[in-house]
Protein backbone atom coordinates (compact mmCIF):
# COMPACT_ATOMS: atom_id res chain seq x y z
CA MET A 1 0.08 0.15 -0.03
CA PRO A 2 1.55 3.42 -0.85
CA LEU A 3 2.37 5.83 1.87
CA VAL A 4 0.62 8.63 0.00
CA ASN A 5 -2.74 8.12 -1.72
CA PRO A 6 -2.32 9.04 -5.40
CA GLY A 7 -5.60 10.95 -5.46
CA SER A 8 -3.90 13.41 -3.13
CA LEU A 9 -1.11 14.44 -5.43
CA PHE A 10 -3.22 16.77 -7.55
CA THR A 11 -6.49 18.54 -7.99
CA PHE A 12 -9.05 16.91 -10.24
CA ARG A 13 -10.56 19.44 -12.86
CA PHE A 14 -13.31 18.56 -15.31
CA PRO A 15 -15.39 20.28 -17.91
CA CYS A 16 -19.04 20.69 -17.00
CA ARG A 17 -20.99 21.02 -20.39
CA LYS A 18 -23.43 23.63 -21.19
CA ARG A 19 -26.92 22.54 -22.35
CA LYS A 20 -29.73 24.78 -23.54
CA THR A 21 -32.46 22.96 -21.57
CA LEU A 22 -31.98 21.31 -18.07
CA TRP A 23 -35.41 20.54 -16.79
CA PRO A 24 -37.49 18.61 -16.71
CA PRO A 25 -35.59 15.41 -17.37
CA ALA A 26 -37.99 14.51 -20.11
CA SER A 27 -36.77 17.29 -22.10
CA GLY A 28 -33.74 15.29 -22.79
CA PRO A 29 -31.21 12.98 -21.00
CA LEU A 30 -27.74 14.09 -20.23
CA ASP A 31 -25.51 12.50 -22.74
CA GLU A 32 -22.13 10.81 -22.31
CA ALA A 33 -20.08 14.07 -22.89
CA CYS A 34 -21.76 15.32 -19.55
CA ARG A 35 -20.48 12.18 -17.53
CA LEU A 36 -17.76 12.62 -15.02
CA PRO A 37 -15.00 9.94 -15.21
CA SER A 38 -14.93 7.28 -12.42
CA LEU A 39 -12.26 8.01 -9.78
CA ALA A 40 -12.85 5.03 -7.52
CA SER A 41 -9.74 3.13 -8.38
CA ILE A 42 -7.59 6.27 -7.95
CA VAL A 43 -8.97 7.28 -4.41
CA GLY A 44 -9.56 3.67 -3.20
CA VAL A 45 -13.38 3.36 -2.81
CA PRO A 46 -15.97 0.97 -4.23
CA ASP A 47 -16.98 1.94 -7.84
CA LEU A 48 -20.84 2.20 -7.17
CA VAL A 49 -21.91 5.68 -8.25
CA SER A 50 -22.03 7.32 -11.75
CA LEU A 51 -22.45 11.05 -12.22
CA TRP A 52 -23.62 13.37 -15.04
CA LEU A 53 -23.65 17.20 -14.84
CA ALA A 54 -24.58 20.02 -16.98
CA TRP A 55 -25.20 23.71 -16.69
CA ASN A 56 -26.57 26.91 -18.17
CA ASP A 57 -27.36 30.31 -16.82
CA GLY A 58 -30.28 28.90 -14.76
CA GLY A 59 -28.26 26.55 -12.78
CA LEU A 60 -26.90 22.91 -12.71
CA ARG A 61 -28.48 19.70 -13.50
CA VAL A 62 -27.21 16.49 -11.94
CA ARG A 63 -27.97 12.79 -12.61
CA GLY A 64 -26.64 10.16 -10.31
CA GLU A 65 -26.99 6.33 -10.37
CA MET A 66 -26.20 4.25 -7.44
CA LYS A 67 -25.74 0.48 -7.66
CA GLY A 68 -24.87 -2.31 -5.12
CA VAL A 69 -26.49 -0.92 -1.96
CA GLY A 70 -29.69 -3.09 -1.94
CA ALA A 71 -33.19 -1.91 -1.49
CA SER A 72 -32.98 -0.67 2.13
CA ARG A 73 -32.76 3.20 2.38
CA TRP A 74 -32.69 5.44 5.45
CA CYS A 75 -33.78 9.06 4.32
CA GLN A 76 -34.69 11.55 6.92
CA PRO A 77 -34.97 15.23 5.67
CA THR A 78 -34.69 16.39 9.37
CA ARG A 79 -31.19 14.67 9.58
CA PRO A 80 -29.77 15.23 6.03
CA GLU A 81 -26.22 14.79 6.97
CA ASP A 82 -26.67 11.22 7.89
CA SER A 83 -29.29 10.21 5.42
CA ASP A 84 -28.89 7.79 2.55
CA GLY A 85 -28.49 9.70 -0.73
CA LEU A 86 -26.26 11.66 -3.00
CA HIS A 87 -24.52 14.50 -1.21
CA LEU A 88 -23.11 17.43 -3.10
CA TRP A 89 -20.80 20.31 -2.04
CA ILE A 90 -20.50 23.30 -4.41
CA ALA A 91 -18.57 26.56 -4.31
CA THR A 92 -19.61 29.05 -6.60
CA ARG A 93 -16.67 31.28 -5.99
CA PRO A 94 -13.78 28.75 -5.31
CA THR A 95 -10.31 30.05 -4.02
CA GLY A 96 -8.47 26.89 -3.79
CA GLU A 97 -6.85 28.31 -0.63
CA SER A 98 -9.27 28.25 2.23
CA HIS A 99 -9.62 25.19 4.35
CA ARG A 100 -13.05 26.39 5.53
CA ALA A 101 -16.20 26.77 3.61
CA GLY A 102 -18.03 30.20 3.38
CA ARG A 103 -21.18 31.85 2.44
CA PHE A 104 -20.63 30.80 -1.33
CA CYS A 105 -20.57 27.24 -0.48
CA ARG A 106 -23.64 24.99 -0.47
CA ARG A 107 -24.12 21.40 0.78
CA LEU A 108 -27.19 19.56 -0.75
CA ALA A 109 -28.40 16.15 0.31
CA LEU A 110 -30.41 14.58 -2.63
CA LEU A 111 -32.53 11.90 -1.02
CA PRO A 112 -34.22 9.40 -3.21
CA THR A 113 -37.04 9.00 -0.81
CA GLY A 114 -38.26 10.43 2.48
CA GLY A 115 -40.21 13.47 1.25
CA GLY A 116 -43.84 14.25 0.78
CA LYS A 117 -46.81 13.49 3.12
CA LEU A 118 -46.15 9.83 3.02
CA ALA A 119 -42.36 10.01 3.07
CA ASP A 120 -42.09 8.25 -0.25
CA LYS A 121 -40.92 11.19 -2.51
CA PRO A 122 -37.54 12.31 -3.29
CA VAL A 123 -36.43 15.55 -1.67
CA ALA A 124 -33.48 17.91 -1.78
CA VAL A 125 -32.43 19.37 1.50
CA ALA A 126 -29.66 21.81 2.62
CA ALA A 127 -27.17 20.28 4.86
CA VAL A 128 -24.44 21.65 7.23
CA ILE A 129 -20.83 21.87 6.35
CA PRO A 130 -18.72 21.46 9.34
CA ARG A 131 -16.45 24.26 10.37
CA THR A 132 -18.02 26.62 7.93
CA SER A 133 -16.77 30.16 8.41
CA GLU A 134 -20.01 31.79 7.29
CA ILE A 135 -23.31 30.18 6.61
CA PRO A 136 -24.97 30.44 3.24
CA ALA A 137 -28.35 31.97 2.71
CA GLU A 138 -31.35 29.62 3.40
CA LEU A 139 -32.18 27.28 0.60
CA PRO A 140 -35.40 28.69 -1.05
CA GLU A 141 -38.31 26.45 -1.09
CA GLY A 142 -38.85 24.68 -4.36
CA SER A 143 -35.30 25.74 -5.76
CA VAL A 144 -34.07 22.19 -6.19
CA PRO A 145 -36.80 20.13 -8.08
CA ILE A 146 -35.84 16.42 -8.03
CA GLU A 147 -36.97 13.10 -9.47
CA ALA A 148 -35.93 9.66 -8.38
CA LYS A 149 -36.39 5.94 -9.19
CA LEU A 150 -35.84 3.07 -6.72
CA HIS A 151 -34.23 -0.08 -7.76
CA ALA A 152 -33.69 -3.52 -6.21
CA ASP A 153 -29.94 -2.86 -5.92
CA GLY A 154 -29.95 0.90 -5.46
CA TRP A 155 -31.53 4.15 -6.79
CA SER A 156 -31.14 6.84 -9.44
CA LEU A 157 -32.15 10.52 -9.39
CA GLU A 158 -32.01 13.73 -11.36
CA ALA A 159 -32.15 17.12 -9.77
CA HIS A 160 -32.07 20.78 -11.17
CA ILE A 161 -30.06 22.93 -8.79
CA THR A 162 -31.47 26.26 -9.82
CA ALA A 163 -29.40 29.64 -9.67
CA ALA A 164 -31.61 30.59 -6.60
CA ALA A 165 -30.21 27.58 -4.74
CA LEU A 166 -26.43 28.56 -5.43
CA PRO A 167 -25.28 31.59 -3.60
CA GLY A 168 -22.97 33.66 -5.59
CA TRP A 169 -23.83 31.95 -8.88
CA ASP A 170 -22.60 34.03 -11.75
CA PRO A 171 -21.00 31.90 -14.51
CA ALA A 172 -20.33 34.85 -16.76
CA GLU A 173 -18.01 36.31 -14.05
CA ILE A 174 -16.68 33.06 -12.52
CA PRO A 175 -16.91 30.17 -15.11
CA ARG A 176 -15.91 27.41 -12.67
CA LEU A 177 -17.08 25.67 -9.55
CA GLY A 178 -15.61 23.91 -6.56
CA PHE A 179 -17.55 20.58 -6.56
CA PHE A 180 -17.49 17.45 -4.59
CA ALA A 181 -19.92 14.44 -4.24
CA ALA A 182 -20.36 11.62 -1.96
CA VAL A 183 -22.90 8.83 -1.50
CA ILE A 184 -24.01 8.20 2.10
CA ASP A 185 -25.37 4.68 2.94
CA ARG A 186 -26.21 3.25 6.31
CA ARG A 187 -24.74 -0.12 5.37
CA LEU A 188 -21.61 0.90 3.53
CA GLY A 189 -20.89 4.22 5.16
CA ARG A 190 -19.63 7.36 3.27
CA ILE A 191 -18.19 6.84 -0.18
CA PRO A 192 -16.55 9.99 -1.57
CA TYR A 193 -16.30 10.47 -5.35
CA GLY A 194 -13.05 12.24 -5.58
CA ALA A 195 -10.86 12.04 -2.39
CA PRO A 196 -9.89 9.18 -0.07
CA PRO A 197 -12.41 8.41 2.62
CA GLU A 198 -10.09 9.55 5.45
CA TYR A 199 -9.69 13.03 3.97
CA PRO A 200 -11.63 15.98 5.55
CA TRP A 201 -13.74 16.44 2.46
CA GLU A 202 -16.93 17.05 4.27
CA SER A 203 -15.60 20.48 5.59
CA ASP A 204 -12.38 21.55 3.58
CA PRO A 205 -12.91 22.99 0.22
CA THR A 206 -9.19 22.41 -0.73
CA THR A 207 -9.99 18.77 -1.11
CA TRP A 208 -12.76 19.42 -3.68
CA MET A 209 -12.32 19.21 -7.34
CA GLU A 210 -12.94 21.95 -9.88
CA LEU A 211 -15.53 22.14 -12.69
CA ASP A 212 -14.93 24.41 -15.60
CA LEU A 213 -18.25 25.76 -17.02
CA ALA A 214 -17.50 24.81 -20.51
CA GLY A 215 -19.65 25.22 -23.80
CA ALA A 216 -21.04 22.33 -25.80
């Protein structure tokens, strides 16, 4: 086993493709150009999650597919940090220097179920970033529409993270994002997308990757 994890030797940076229409999903699927490469073998985690991302001036669209976790899900919107789902960390004005998240950083828990009156609908909830230096504005109601499908061995979901949900969103001025993703599962634990599990990615923006807001 290497003394230094290879994933810690550089910062991942990927293009995020621009698409004219982001929502609803029926308007068109995210194509393979929008798919992020798998980093599981580099950072030493199970290869269970696939991610697609796209953007336009109205915000971001994300698609996530999780396989290999079974049919049991623990999703509690009142406890988003611990709930099963796809968790995203987004910095609209990344500096690459501060080890503490600020007001332009947002953490979202995208839960495949747990919402609605019967707790059987997908829901997007703002979650706390530990050690944050300044809490972002409250997540506006309805600013992250979400759809999900449940499967015998996992789940898939799509969400539109609108500009209203992203403090400091201004792609014309700052055409890049700090970005991180992780799947949380009660049985398997925390499975980060782009950093070793033992790294402080939940709280430290310098461990996150960067997304260039590219064109087509």
